[in-house]
Full PDB file with SEQRES, HELIX, SHEET, SSBOND, CRYST1, ORIGX, SCALE, CONECT and MASTER records, all heavy atoms in Angstrom:
SEQRES   1 A   41  PHE GLY ARG LYS VAL LEU ASP ILE SER LYS GLU ASP LEU          
SEQRES   2 A   41  LYS GLU SER LEU GLN HIS GLN LEU ALA ALA PHE ALA ALA          
SEQRES   3 A   41  ILE VAL LYS GLU GLU GLN GLY TYR TRP HIS HIS ILE LYS          
SEQRES   4 A   41  PRO HIS                                                      
HELIX    1 AA1 LYS A   10  GLU A   30  1                                  21    
CRYST1    1.000    1.000    1.000  90.00  90.00  90.00 P 1           1          
ORIGX1      1.000000  0.000000  0.000000        0.00000                         
ORIGX2      0.000000  1.000000  0.000000        0.00000                         
ORIGX3      0.000000  0.000000  1.000000        0.00000                         
SCALE1      1.000000  0.000000  0.000000        0.00000                         
SCALE2      0.000000  1.000000  0.000000        0.00000                         
SCALE3      0.000000  0.000000  1.000000        0.00000                         
ATOM      1  N   PHE A   1      99.560 117.211  83.791  1.00  0.00           N  
ATOM      2  CA  PHE A   1      99.066 115.838  83.865  1.00  0.00           C  
ATOM      3  C   PHE A   1     100.225 114.843  83.971  1.00  0.00           C  
ATOM      4  O   PHE A   1     100.152 113.717  83.496  1.00  0.00           O  
ATOM      5  CB  PHE A   1      98.190 115.519  82.648  1.00  0.00           C  
ATOM      6  CG  PHE A   1      97.275 114.336  82.828  1.00  0.00           C  
ATOM      7  CD1 PHE A   1      96.255 114.364  83.764  1.00  0.00           C  
ATOM      8  CD2 PHE A   1      97.433 113.192  82.073  1.00  0.00           C  
ATOM      9  CE1 PHE A   1      95.410 113.275  83.938  1.00  0.00           C  
ATOM     10  CE2 PHE A   1      96.584 112.091  82.243  1.00  0.00           C  
ATOM     11  CZ  PHE A   1      95.579 112.142  83.182  1.00  0.00           C  
ATOM     12  N   GLY A   2     101.305 115.276  84.595  1.00  0.00           N  
ATOM     13  CA  GLY A   2     102.437 114.379  84.802  1.00  0.00           C  
ATOM     14  C   GLY A   2     103.175 113.974  83.547  1.00  0.00           C  
ATOM     15  O   GLY A   2     103.950 113.010  83.567  1.00  0.00           O  
ATOM     16  N   ARG A   3     102.953 114.691  82.461  1.00  0.00           N  
ATOM     17  CA  ARG A   3     103.563 114.303  81.190  1.00  0.00           C  
ATOM     18  C   ARG A   3     104.729 115.204  80.776  1.00  0.00           C  
ATOM     19  O   ARG A   3     105.135 115.234  79.625  1.00  0.00           O  
ATOM     20  CB  ARG A   3     102.485 114.272  80.092  1.00  0.00           C  
ATOM     21  CG  ARG A   3     101.564 113.058  80.271  1.00  0.00           C  
ATOM     22  CD  ARG A   3     100.472 112.962  79.253  1.00  0.00           C  
ATOM     23  NE  ARG A   3      99.752 111.693  79.415  1.00  0.00           N  
ATOM     24  CZ  ARG A   3      98.517 111.479  79.003  1.00  0.00           C  
ATOM     25  NH1 ARG A   3      97.842 112.441  78.385  1.00  0.00           N  
ATOM     26  NH2 ARG A   3      97.943 110.313  79.193  1.00  0.00           N  
ATOM     27  N   LYS A   4     105.281 115.899  81.756  1.00  0.00           N  
ATOM     28  CA  LYS A   4     106.453 116.739  81.533  1.00  0.00           C  
ATOM     29  C   LYS A   4     107.496 116.376  82.579  1.00  0.00           C  
ATOM     30  O   LYS A   4     107.182 116.255  83.764  1.00  0.00           O  
ATOM     31  CB  LYS A   4     106.066 118.222  81.671  1.00  0.00           C  
ATOM     32  CG  LYS A   4     107.214 119.185  81.531  1.00  0.00           C  
ATOM     33  CD  LYS A   4     106.734 120.626  81.723  1.00  0.00           C  
ATOM     34  CE  LYS A   4     107.890 121.606  81.642  1.00  0.00           C  
ATOM     35  NZ  LYS A   4     107.432 123.009  81.861  1.00  0.00           N  
ATOM     36  N   VAL A   5     108.738 116.165  82.150  1.00  0.00           N  
ATOM     37  CA  VAL A   5     109.805 115.850  83.091  1.00  0.00           C  
ATOM     38  C   VAL A   5     110.059 117.068  83.974  1.00  0.00           C  
ATOM     39  O   VAL A   5     110.291 118.174  83.473  1.00  0.00           O  
ATOM     40  CB  VAL A   5     111.098 115.444  82.356  1.00  0.00           C  
ATOM     41  CG1 VAL A   5     112.232 115.256  83.354  1.00  0.00           C  
ATOM     42  CG2 VAL A   5     110.882 114.158  81.567  1.00  0.00           C  
ATOM     43  N   LEU A   6     110.020 116.867  85.284  1.00  0.00           N  
ATOM     44  CA  LEU A   6     110.220 117.968  86.215  1.00  0.00           C  
ATOM     45  C   LEU A   6     111.673 118.043  86.668  1.00  0.00           C  
ATOM     46  O   LEU A   6     112.326 117.010  86.874  1.00  0.00           O  
ATOM     47  CB  LEU A   6     109.342 117.788  87.451  1.00  0.00           C  
ATOM     48  CG  LEU A   6     107.835 117.956  87.325  1.00  0.00           C  
ATOM     49  CD1 LEU A   6     107.206 117.972  88.714  1.00  0.00           C  
ATOM     50  CD2 LEU A   6     107.466 119.226  86.573  1.00  0.00           C  
ATOM     51  N   ASP A   7     112.145 119.257  86.841  1.00  0.00           N  
ATOM     52  CA  ASP A   7     113.441 119.486  87.469  1.00  0.00           C  
ATOM     53  C   ASP A   7     113.183 119.540  88.970  1.00  0.00           C  
ATOM     54  O   ASP A   7     112.895 120.595  89.533  1.00  0.00           O  
ATOM     55  CB  ASP A   7     114.044 120.795  86.968  1.00  0.00           C  
ATOM     56  CG  ASP A   7     115.432 121.055  87.538  1.00  0.00           C  
ATOM     57  OD1 ASP A   7     115.996 120.118  88.160  1.00  0.00           O  
ATOM     58  OD2 ASP A   7     115.937 122.177  87.391  1.00  0.00           O  
ATOM     59  N   ILE A   8     113.261 118.389  89.598  1.00  0.00           N  
ATOM     60  CA  ILE A   8     112.876 118.256  91.000  1.00  0.00           C  
ATOM     61  C   ILE A   8     113.982 117.532  91.745  1.00  0.00           C  
ATOM     62  O   ILE A   8     114.610 116.617  91.201  1.00  0.00           O  
ATOM     63  CB  ILE A   8     111.527 117.503  91.100  1.00  0.00           C  
ATOM     64  CG1 ILE A   8     111.024 117.424  92.541  1.00  0.00           C  
ATOM     65  CG2 ILE A   8     111.602 116.116  90.480  1.00  0.00           C  
ATOM     66  CD1 ILE A   8     109.610 116.849  92.665  1.00  0.00           C  
ATOM     67  N   SER A   9     114.246 117.943  92.979  1.00  0.00           N  
ATOM     68  CA  SER A   9     115.318 117.319  93.751  1.00  0.00           C  
ATOM     69  C   SER A   9     114.937 115.898  94.150  1.00  0.00           C  
ATOM     70  O   SER A   9     113.754 115.528  94.194  1.00  0.00           O  
ATOM     71  CB  SER A   9     115.603 118.139  95.012  1.00  0.00           C  
ATOM     72  OG  SER A   9     114.532 118.030  95.933  1.00  0.00           O  
ATOM     73  N   LYS A  10     115.947 115.110  94.452  1.00  0.00           N  
ATOM     74  CA  LYS A  10     115.721 113.737  94.913  1.00  0.00           C  
ATOM     75  C   LYS A  10     114.831 113.736  96.148  1.00  0.00           C  
ATOM     76  O   LYS A  10     113.904 112.925  96.262  1.00  0.00           O  
ATOM     77  CB  LYS A  10     117.058 113.072  95.225  1.00  0.00           C  
ATOM     78  CG  LYS A  10     116.938 111.690  95.863  1.00  0.00           C  
ATOM     79  CD  LYS A  10     118.303 111.122  96.218  1.00  0.00           C  
ATOM     80  CE  LYS A  10     118.166 109.782  96.942  1.00  0.00           C  
ATOM     81  NZ  LYS A  10     119.498 109.217  97.306  1.00  0.00           N  
ATOM     82  N   GLU A  11     115.095 114.661  97.063  1.00  0.00           N  
ATOM     83  CA  GLU A  11     114.338 114.713  98.311  1.00  0.00           C  
ATOM     84  C   GLU A  11     112.875 115.064  98.062  1.00  0.00           C  
ATOM     85  O   GLU A  11     111.963 114.455  98.648  1.00  0.00           O  
ATOM     86  CB  GLU A  11     114.972 115.729  99.265  1.00  0.00           C  
ATOM     87  CG  GLU A  11     116.344 115.337  99.799  1.00  0.00           C  
ATOM     88  CD  GLU A  11     117.459 115.492  98.759  1.00  0.00           C  
ATOM     89  OE1 GLU A  11     117.256 116.256  97.773  1.00  0.00           O  
ATOM     90  OE2 GLU A  11     118.507 114.843  98.926  1.00  0.00           O  
ATOM     91  N   ASP A  12     112.632 116.033  97.182  1.00  0.00           N  
ATOM     92  CA  ASP A  12     111.258 116.445  96.907  1.00  0.00           C  
ATOM     93  C   ASP A  12     110.488 115.355  96.166  1.00  0.00           C  
ATOM     94  O   ASP A  12     109.301 115.137  96.422  1.00  0.00           O  
ATOM     95  CB  ASP A  12     111.238 117.745  96.101  1.00  0.00           C  
ATOM     96  CG  ASP A  12     111.613 118.960  96.938  1.00  0.00           C  
ATOM     97  OD1 ASP A  12     111.624 118.838  98.184  1.00  0.00           O  
ATOM     98  OD2 ASP A  12     111.905 120.020  96.349  1.00  0.00           O  
ATOM     99  N   LEU A  13     111.166 114.674  95.240  1.00  0.00           N  
ATOM    100  CA  LEU A  13     110.508 113.593  94.522  1.00  0.00           C  
ATOM    101  C   LEU A  13     110.172 112.453  95.479  1.00  0.00           C  
ATOM    102  O   LEU A  13     109.059 111.915  95.454  1.00  0.00           O  
ATOM    103  CB  LEU A  13     111.395 113.081  93.384  1.00  0.00           C  
ATOM    104  CG  LEU A  13     110.820 111.911  92.580  1.00  0.00           C  
ATOM    105  CD1 LEU A  13     109.498 112.292  91.910  1.00  0.00           C  
ATOM    106  CD2 LEU A  13     111.820 111.418  91.524  1.00  0.00           C  
ATOM    107  N   LYS A  14     111.128 112.099  96.330  1.00  0.00           N  
ATOM    108  CA  LYS A  14     110.893 111.020  97.298  1.00  0.00           C  
ATOM    109  C   LYS A  14     109.735 111.364  98.220  1.00  0.00           C  
ATOM    110  O   LYS A  14     108.850 110.528  98.473  1.00  0.00           O  
ATOM    111  CB  LYS A  14     112.163 110.768  98.118  1.00  0.00           C  
ATOM    112  CG  LYS A  14     112.023 109.647  99.131  1.00  0.00           C  
ATOM    113  CD  LYS A  14     113.344 109.405  99.865  1.00  0.00           C  
ATOM    114  CE  LYS A  14     113.214 108.258 100.868  1.00  0.00           C  
ATOM    115  NZ  LYS A  14     114.506 107.997 101.568  1.00  0.00           N  
ATOM    116  N   GLU A  15     109.716 112.605  98.709  1.00  0.00           N  
ATOM    117  CA  GLU A  15     108.641 113.023  99.615  1.00  0.00           C  
ATOM    118  C   GLU A  15     107.285 112.935  98.924  1.00  0.00           C  
ATOM    119  O   GLU A  15     106.296 112.464  99.512  1.00  0.00           O  
ATOM    120  CB  GLU A  15     108.890 114.450 100.095  1.00  0.00           C  
ATOM    121  CG  GLU A  15     107.824 114.962 101.051  1.00  0.00           C  
ATOM    122  CD  GLU A  15     108.072 116.396 101.493  1.00  0.00           C  
ATOM    123  OE1 GLU A  15     109.112 116.981 101.113  1.00  0.00           O  
ATOM    124  OE2 GLU A  15     107.223 116.945 102.218  1.00  0.00           O  
ATOM    125  N   SER A  16     107.223 113.387  97.670  1.00  0.00           N  
ATOM    126  CA  SER A  16     105.962 113.357  96.937  1.00  0.00           C  
ATOM    127  C   SER A  16     105.498 111.922  96.694  1.00  0.00           C  
ATOM    128  O   SER A  16     104.333 111.585  96.929  1.00  0.00           O  
ATOM    129  CB  SER A  16     106.098 114.086  95.596  1.00  0.00           C  
ATOM    130  OG  SER A  16     104.912 113.951  94.842  1.00  0.00           O  
ATOM    131  N   LEU A  17     106.399 111.066  96.224  1.00  0.00           N  
ATOM    132  CA  LEU A  17     106.025 109.677  95.935  1.00  0.00           C  
ATOM    133  C   LEU A  17     105.557 108.958  97.196  1.00  0.00           C  
ATOM    134  O   LEU A  17     104.556 108.235  97.181  1.00  0.00           O  
ATOM    135  CB  LEU A  17     107.210 108.941  95.307  1.00  0.00           C  
ATOM    136  CG  LEU A  17     107.600 109.366  93.890  1.00  0.00           C  
ATOM    137  CD1 LEU A  17     108.924 108.723  93.490  1.00  0.00           C  
ATOM    138  CD2 LEU A  17     106.511 109.002  92.890  1.00  0.00           C  
ATOM    139  N   GLN A  18     106.280 109.169  98.283  1.00  0.00           N  
ATOM    140  CA  GLN A  18     105.901 108.483  99.510  1.00  0.00           C  
ATOM    141  C   GLN A  18     104.589 109.026 100.064  1.00  0.00           C  
ATOM    142  O   GLN A  18     103.798 108.277 100.646  1.00  0.00           O  
ATOM    143  CB  GLN A  18     107.031 108.582 100.541  1.00  0.00           C  
ATOM    144  CG  GLN A  18     108.253 107.777 100.122  1.00  0.00           C  
ATOM    145  CD  GLN A  18     109.308 107.665 101.195  1.00  0.00           C  
ATOM    146  OE1 GLN A  18     109.397 108.502 102.088  1.00  0.00           O  
ATOM    147  NE2 GLN A  18     110.134 106.636 101.106  1.00  0.00           N  
ATOM    148  N   HIS A  19     104.333 110.309  99.876  1.00  0.00           N  
ATOM    149  CA  HIS A  19     103.052 110.889 100.293  1.00  0.00           C  
ATOM    150  C   HIS A  19     101.912 110.283  99.479  1.00  0.00           C  
ATOM    151  O   HIS A  19     100.862 109.914 100.030  1.00  0.00           O  
ATOM    152  CB  HIS A  19     103.082 112.403 100.121  1.00  0.00           C  
ATOM    153  CG  HIS A  19     101.787 113.073 100.455  1.00  0.00           C  
ATOM    154  ND1 HIS A  19     101.367 113.280 101.753  1.00  0.00           N  
ATOM    155  CD2 HIS A  19     100.797 113.569  99.663  1.00  0.00           C  
ATOM    156  CE1 HIS A  19     100.185 113.880 101.750  1.00  0.00           C  
ATOM    157  NE2 HIS A  19      99.818 114.065 100.500  1.00  0.00           N  
ATOM    158  N   GLN A  20     102.120 110.173  98.156  1.00  0.00           N  
ATOM    159  CA  GLN A  20     101.092 109.576  97.296  1.00  0.00           C  
ATOM    160  C   GLN A  20     100.796 108.135  97.695  1.00  0.00           C  
ATOM    161  O   GLN A  20      99.635 107.721  97.804  1.00  0.00           O  
ATOM    162  CB  GLN A  20     101.545 109.622  95.830  1.00  0.00           C  
ATOM    163  CG  GLN A  20     101.636 111.019  95.228  1.00  0.00           C  
ATOM    164  CD  GLN A  20     102.225 110.986  93.831  1.00  0.00           C  
ATOM    165  OE1 GLN A  20     101.736 110.280  92.955  1.00  0.00           O  
ATOM    166  NE2 GLN A  20     103.282 111.751  93.598  1.00  0.00           N  
ATOM    167  N   LEU A  21     101.863 107.370  97.923  1.00  0.00           N  
ATOM    168  CA  LEU A  21     101.681 105.949  98.213  1.00  0.00           C  
ATOM    169  C   LEU A  21     101.165 105.713  99.628  1.00  0.00           C  
ATOM    170  O   LEU A  21     100.410 104.762  99.870  1.00  0.00           O  
ATOM    171  CB  LEU A  21     102.982 105.191  97.977  1.00  0.00           C  
ATOM    172  CG  LEU A  21     103.433 105.158  96.515  1.00  0.00           C  
ATOM    173  CD1 LEU A  21     104.773 104.442  96.383  1.00  0.00           C  
ATOM    174  CD2 LEU A  21     102.398 104.485  95.629  1.00  0.00           C  
ATOM    175  N   ALA A  22     101.544 106.567 100.571  1.00  0.00           N  
ATOM    176  CA  ALA A  22     101.024 106.434 101.930  1.00  0.00           C  
ATOM    177  C   ALA A  22      99.516 106.670 101.946  1.00  0.00           C  
ATOM    178  O   ALA A  22      98.767 105.942 102.625  1.00  0.00           O  
ATOM    179  CB  ALA A  22     101.733 107.413 102.864  1.00  0.00           C  
ATOM    180  N   ALA A  23      99.071 107.674 101.207  1.00  0.00           N  
ATOM    181  CA  ALA A  23      97.630 107.949 101.123  1.00  0.00           C  
ATOM    182  C   ALA A  23      96.902 106.767 100.477  1.00  0.00           C  
ATOM    183  O   ALA A  23      95.842 106.343 100.948  1.00  0.00           O  
ATOM    184  CB  ALA A  23      97.390 109.234 100.333  1.00  0.00           C  
ATOM    185  N   PHE A  24      97.493 106.240  99.425  1.00  0.00           N  
ATOM    186  CA  PHE A  24      96.892 105.095  98.733  1.00  0.00           C  
ATOM    187  C   PHE A  24      96.829 103.879  99.661  1.00  0.00           C  
ATOM    188  O   PHE A  24      95.801 103.203  99.754  1.00  0.00           O  
ATOM    189  CB  PHE A  24      97.706 104.780  97.484  1.00  0.00           C  
ATOM    190  CG  PHE A  24      97.100 103.735  96.592  1.00  0.00           C  
ATOM    191  CD1 PHE A  24      96.133 104.067  95.667  1.00  0.00           C  
ATOM    192  CD2 PHE A  24      97.503 102.406  96.674  1.00  0.00           C  
ATOM    193  CE1 PHE A  24      95.567 103.105  94.836  1.00  0.00           C  
ATOM    194  CE2 PHE A  24      96.951 101.439  95.858  1.00  0.00           C  
ATOM    195  CZ  PHE A  24      95.975 101.791  94.930  1.00  0.00           C  
ATOM    196  N   ALA A  25      97.927 103.612 100.357  1.00  0.00           N  
ATOM    197  CA  ALA A  25      97.991 102.451 101.250  1.00  0.00           C  
ATOM    198  C   ALA A  25      96.944 102.541 102.352  1.00  0.00           C  
ATOM    199  O   ALA A  25      96.301 101.535 102.707  1.00  0.00           O  
ATOM    200  CB  ALA A  25      99.386 102.337 101.858  1.00  0.00           C  
ATOM    201  N   ALA A  26      96.771 103.733 102.898  1.00  0.00           N  
ATOM    202  CA  ALA A  26      95.799 103.902 103.975  1.00  0.00           C  
ATOM    203  C   ALA A  26      94.385 103.609 103.488  1.00  0.00           C  
ATOM    204  O   ALA A  26      93.597 102.955 104.190  1.00  0.00           O  
ATOM    205  CB  ALA A  26      95.890 105.325 104.529  1.00  0.00           C  
ATOM    206  N   ILE A  27      94.072 104.065 102.293  1.00  0.00           N  
ATOM    207  CA  ILE A  27      92.725 103.852 101.753  1.00  0.00           C  
ATOM    208  C   ILE A  27      92.510 102.389 101.383  1.00  0.00           C  
ATOM    209  O   ILE A  27      91.443 101.821 101.628  1.00  0.00           O  
ATOM    210  CB  ILE A  27      92.481 104.787 100.557  1.00  0.00           C  
ATOM    211  CG1 ILE A  27      92.468 106.238 101.033  1.00  0.00           C  
ATOM    212  CG2 ILE A  27      91.161 104.456  99.852  1.00  0.00           C  
ATOM    213  CD1 ILE A  27      92.492 107.265  99.922  1.00  0.00           C  
ATOM    214  N   VAL A  28      93.524 101.753 100.803  1.00  0.00           N  
ATOM    215  CA  VAL A  28      93.419 100.324 100.498  1.00  0.00           C  
ATOM    216  C   VAL A  28      93.128  99.528 101.775  1.00  0.00           C  
ATOM    217  O   VAL A  28      92.274  98.636 101.793  1.00  0.00           O  
ATOM    218  CB  VAL A  28      94.710  99.805  99.834  1.00  0.00           C  
ATOM    219  CG1 VAL A  28      94.701  98.283  99.741  1.00  0.00           C  
ATOM    220  CG2 VAL A  28      94.868 100.390  98.432  1.00  0.00           C  
ATOM    221  N   LYS A  29      93.817  99.877 102.859  1.00  0.00           N  
ATOM    222  CA  LYS A  29      93.611  99.177 104.127  1.00  0.00           C  
ATOM    223  C   LYS A  29      92.207  99.425 104.666  1.00  0.00           C  
ATOM    224  O   LYS A  29      91.510  98.492 105.067  1.00  0.00           O  
ATOM    225  CB  LYS A  29      94.654  99.638 105.145  1.00  0.00           C  
ATOM    226  CG  LYS A  29      94.579  98.893 106.465  1.00  0.00           C  
ATOM    227  CD  LYS A  29      95.696  99.328 107.404  1.00  0.00           C  
ATOM    228  CE  LYS A  29      95.627  98.562 108.722  1.00  0.00           C  
ATOM    229  NZ  LYS A  29      96.725  98.974 109.649  1.00  0.00           N  
ATOM    230  N   GLU A  30      91.777 100.688 104.632  1.00  0.00           N  
ATOM    231  CA  GLU A  30      90.445 101.032 105.143  1.00  0.00           C  
ATOM    232  C   GLU A  30      89.342 100.330 104.344  1.00  0.00           C  
ATOM    233  O   GLU A  30      88.315  99.920 104.909  1.00  0.00           O  
ATOM    234  CB  GLU A  30      90.241 102.542 105.086  1.00  0.00           C  
ATOM    235  CG  GLU A  30      91.070 103.316 106.095  1.00  0.00           C  
ATOM    236  CD  GLU A  30      91.071 104.810 105.810  1.00  0.00           C  
ATOM    237  OE1 GLU A  30      90.253 105.254 104.961  1.00  0.00           O  
ATOM    238  OE2 GLU A  30      91.868 105.534 106.427  1.00  0.00           O  
ATOM    239  N   GLU A  31      89.550 100.203 103.038  1.00  0.00           N  
ATOM    240  CA  GLU A  31      88.535  99.611 102.165  1.00  0.00           C  
ATOM    241  C   GLU A  31      88.703  98.102 102.012  1.00  0.00           C  
ATOM    242  O   GLU A  31      87.988  97.467 101.238  1.00  0.00           O  
ATOM    243  CB  GLU A  31      88.589 100.282 100.785  1.00  0.00           C  
ATOM    244  CG  GLU A  31      88.260 101.763 100.787  1.00  0.00           C  
ATOM    245  CD  GLU A  31      86.820 102.047 101.181  1.00  0.00           C  
ATOM    246  OE1 GLU A  31      85.947 101.183 100.919  1.00  0.00           O  
ATOM    247  OE2 GLU A  31      86.565 103.118 101.746  1.00  0.00           O  
ATOM    248  N   GLN A  32      89.681  97.550 102.735  1.00  0.00           N  
ATOM    249  CA  GLN A  32      89.938  96.104 102.719  1.00  0.00           C  
ATOM    250  C   GLN A  32      90.180  95.591 101.289  1.00  0.00           C  
ATOM    251  O   GLN A  32      89.651  94.560 100.869  1.00  0.00           O  
ATOM    252  CB  GLN A  32      88.783  95.343 103.384  1.00  0.00           C  
ATOM    253  CG  GLN A  32      88.599  95.705 104.849  1.00  0.00           C  
ATOM    254  CD  GLN A  32      87.490  94.923 105.510  1.00  0.00           C  
ATOM    255  OE1 GLN A  32      86.446  94.667 104.922  1.00  0.00           O  
ATOM    256  NE2 GLN A  32      87.708  94.515 106.758  1.00  0.00           N  
ATOM    257  N   GLY A  33      91.002  96.358 100.572  1.00  0.00           N  
ATOM    258  CA  GLY A  33      91.385  95.957  99.219  1.00  0.00           C  
ATOM    259  C   GLY A  33      92.702  95.200  99.224  1.00  0.00           C  
ATOM    260  O   GLY A  33      93.391  95.128 100.240  1.00  0.00           O  
ATOM    261  N   TYR A  34      93.035  94.639  98.083  1.00  0.00           N  
ATOM    262  CA  TYR A  34      94.319  93.941  97.929  1.00  0.00           C  
ATOM    263  C   TYR A  34      95.155  94.724  96.919  1.00  0.00           C  
ATOM    264  O   TYR A  34      94.762  94.908  95.764  1.00  0.00           O  
ATOM    265  CB  TYR A  34      94.115  92.506  97.438  1.00  0.00           C  
ATOM    266  CG  TYR A  34      95.422  91.800  97.142  1.00  0.00           C  
ATOM    267  CD1 TYR A  34      96.241  91.368  98.180  1.00  0.00           C  
ATOM    268  CD2 TYR A  34      95.851  91.605  95.830  1.00  0.00           C  
ATOM    269  CE1 TYR A  34      97.448  90.747  97.929  1.00  0.00           C  
ATOM    270  CE2 TYR A  34      97.062  90.984  95.564  1.00  0.00           C  
ATOM    271  CZ  TYR A  34      97.856  90.552  96.619  1.00  0.00           C  
ATOM    272  OH  TYR A  34      99.061  89.958  96.354  1.00  0.00           O  
ATOM    273  N   TRP A  35      96.318  95.188  97.379  1.00  0.00           N  
ATOM    274  CA  TRP A  35      97.210  96.004  96.550  1.00  0.00           C  
ATOM    275  C   TRP A  35      98.087  95.069  95.727  1.00  0.00           C  
ATOM    276  O   TRP A  35      98.939  94.375  96.260  1.00  0.00           O  
ATOM    277  CB  TRP A  35      98.036  96.895  97.454  1.00  0.00           C  
ATOM    278  CG  TRP A  35      98.859  97.928  96.764  1.00  0.00           C  
ATOM    279  CD1 TRP A  35      99.140  98.034  95.440  1.00  0.00           C  
ATOM    280  CD2 TRP A  35      99.529  99.020  97.397  1.00  0.00           C  
ATOM    281  NE1 TRP A  35      99.938  99.123  95.189  1.00  0.00           N  
ATOM    282  CE2 TRP A  35     100.188  99.749  96.374  1.00  0.00           C  
ATOM    283  CE3 TRP A  35      99.644  99.462  98.709  1.00  0.00           C  
ATOM    284  CZ2 TRP A  35     100.956 100.890  96.649  1.00  0.00           C  
ATOM    285  CZ3 TRP A  35     100.400 100.596  98.977  1.00  0.00           C  
ATOM    286  CH2 TRP A  35     101.044 101.307  97.962  1.00  0.00           C  
ATOM    287  N   HIS A  36      97.892  95.080  94.413  1.00  0.00           N  
ATOM    288  CA  HIS A  36      98.572  94.137  93.534  1.00  0.00           C  
ATOM    289  C   HIS A  36      99.855  94.683  92.927  1.00  0.00           C  
ATOM    290  O   HIS A  36     100.829  93.945  92.758  1.00  0.00           O  
ATOM    291  CB  HIS A  36      97.613  93.725  92.408  1.00  0.00           C  
ATOM    292  CG  HIS A  36      98.206  92.818  91.369  1.00  0.00           C  
ATOM    293  ND1 HIS A  36      98.706  93.275  90.158  1.00  0.00           N  
ATOM    294  CD2 HIS A  36      98.388  91.470  91.362  1.00  0.00           C  
ATOM    295  CE1 HIS A  36      99.155  92.256  89.459  1.00  0.00           C  
ATOM    296  NE2 HIS A  36      98.982  91.159  90.155  1.00  0.00           N  
ATOM    297  N   HIS A  37      99.891  95.995  92.569  1.00  0.00           N  
ATOM    298  CA  HIS A  37     101.046  96.507  91.838  1.00  0.00           C  
ATOM    299  C   HIS A  37     101.196  98.017  91.959  1.00  0.00           C  
ATOM    300  O   HIS A  37     100.286  98.715  92.414  1.00  0.00           O  
ATOM    301  CB  HIS A  37     100.950  96.135  90.351  1.00  0.00           C  
ATOM    302  CG  HIS A  37      99.788  96.758  89.640  1.00  0.00           C  
ATOM    303  ND1 HIS A  37      98.528  96.194  89.637  1.00  0.00           N  
ATOM    304  CD2 HIS A  37      99.668  97.900  88.904  1.00  0.00           C  
ATOM    305  CE1 HIS A  37      97.705  96.942  88.935  1.00  0.00           C  
ATOM    306  NE2 HIS A  37      98.367  97.995  88.490  1.00  0.00           N  
ATOM    307  N   ILE A  38     102.353  98.488  91.532  1.00  0.00           N  
ATOM    308  CA  ILE A  38     102.641  99.919  91.366  1.00  0.00           C  
ATOM    309  C   ILE A  38     103.057 100.133  89.925  1.00  0.00           C  
ATOM    310  O   ILE A  38     103.900  99.398  89.396  1.00  0.00           O  
ATOM    311  CB  ILE A  38     103.765 100.393  92.307  1.00  0.00           C  
ATOM    312  CG1 ILE A  38     103.347 100.260  93.777  1.00  0.00           C  
ATOM    313  CG2 ILE A  38     104.161 101.840  91.995  1.00  0.00           C  
ATOM    314  CD1 ILE A  38     104.473 100.528  94.757  1.00  0.00           C  
ATOM    315  N   LYS A  39     102.467 101.136  89.299  1.00  0.00           N  
ATOM    316  CA  LYS A  39     102.867 101.511  87.946  1.00  0.00           C  
ATOM    317  C   LYS A  39     103.153 103.011  87.916  1.00  0.00           C  
ATOM    318  O   LYS A  39     102.243 103.819  88.112  1.00  0.00           O  
ATOM    319  CB  LYS A  39     101.767 101.186  86.929  1.00  0.00           C  
ATOM    320  CG  LYS A  39     102.091 101.719  85.521  1.00  0.00           C  
ATOM    321  CD  LYS A  39     100.949 101.488  84.556  1.00  0.00           C  
ATOM    322  CE  LYS A  39     101.182 102.261  83.252  1.00  0.00           C  
ATOM    323  NZ  LYS A  39     100.123 102.017  82.255  1.00  0.00           N  
ATOM    324  N   PRO A  40     104.406 103.413  87.714  1.00  0.00           N  
ATOM    325  CA  PRO A  40     104.692 104.843  87.614  1.00  0.00           C  
ATOM    326  C   PRO A  40     103.980 105.455  86.409  1.00  0.00           C  
ATOM    327  O   PRO A  40     103.661 104.769  85.437  1.00  0.00           O  
ATOM    328  CB  PRO A  40     106.213 104.901  87.459  1.00  0.00           C  
ATOM    329  CG  PRO A  40     106.614 103.528  87.019  1.00  0.00           C  
ATOM    330  CD  PRO A  40     105.601 102.579  87.560  1.00  0.00           C  
ATOM    331  N   HIS A  41     103.742 106.756  86.494  1.00  0.00           N  
ATOM    332  CA  HIS A  41     102.940 107.429  85.478  1.00  0.00           C  
ATOM    333  C   HIS A  41     103.785 108.309  84.546  1.00  0.00           C  
ATOM    334  O   HIS A  41     104.751 108.942  84.968  1.00  0.00           O  
ATOM    335  CB  HIS A  41     101.889 108.321  86.148  1.00  0.00           C  
ATOM    336  CG  HIS A  41     101.192 109.253  85.199  1.00  0.00           C  
ATOM    337  ND1 HIS A  41     100.186 108.837  84.354  1.00  0.00           N  
ATOM    338  CD2 HIS A  41     101.383 110.567  84.928  1.00  0.00           C  
ATOM    339  CE1 HIS A  41      99.767 109.847  83.621  1.00  0.00           C  
ATOM    340  NE2 HIS A  41     100.477 110.915  83.944  1.00  0.00           N  
TER     341      HIS A  41                                                      
MASTER        0    0    0    1    0    0    0    6  340    1    0    4          
END                                                                             
């Protein structure tokens, strides 16, 4: 549940974060929402 620090490379972390946010951004646009903030977990 994201509550353990991962031993993950910079590249893998960047790829994962950008994949998560790209998916979120696409859905916000499709649903005509307003994206107010980002909060890391």
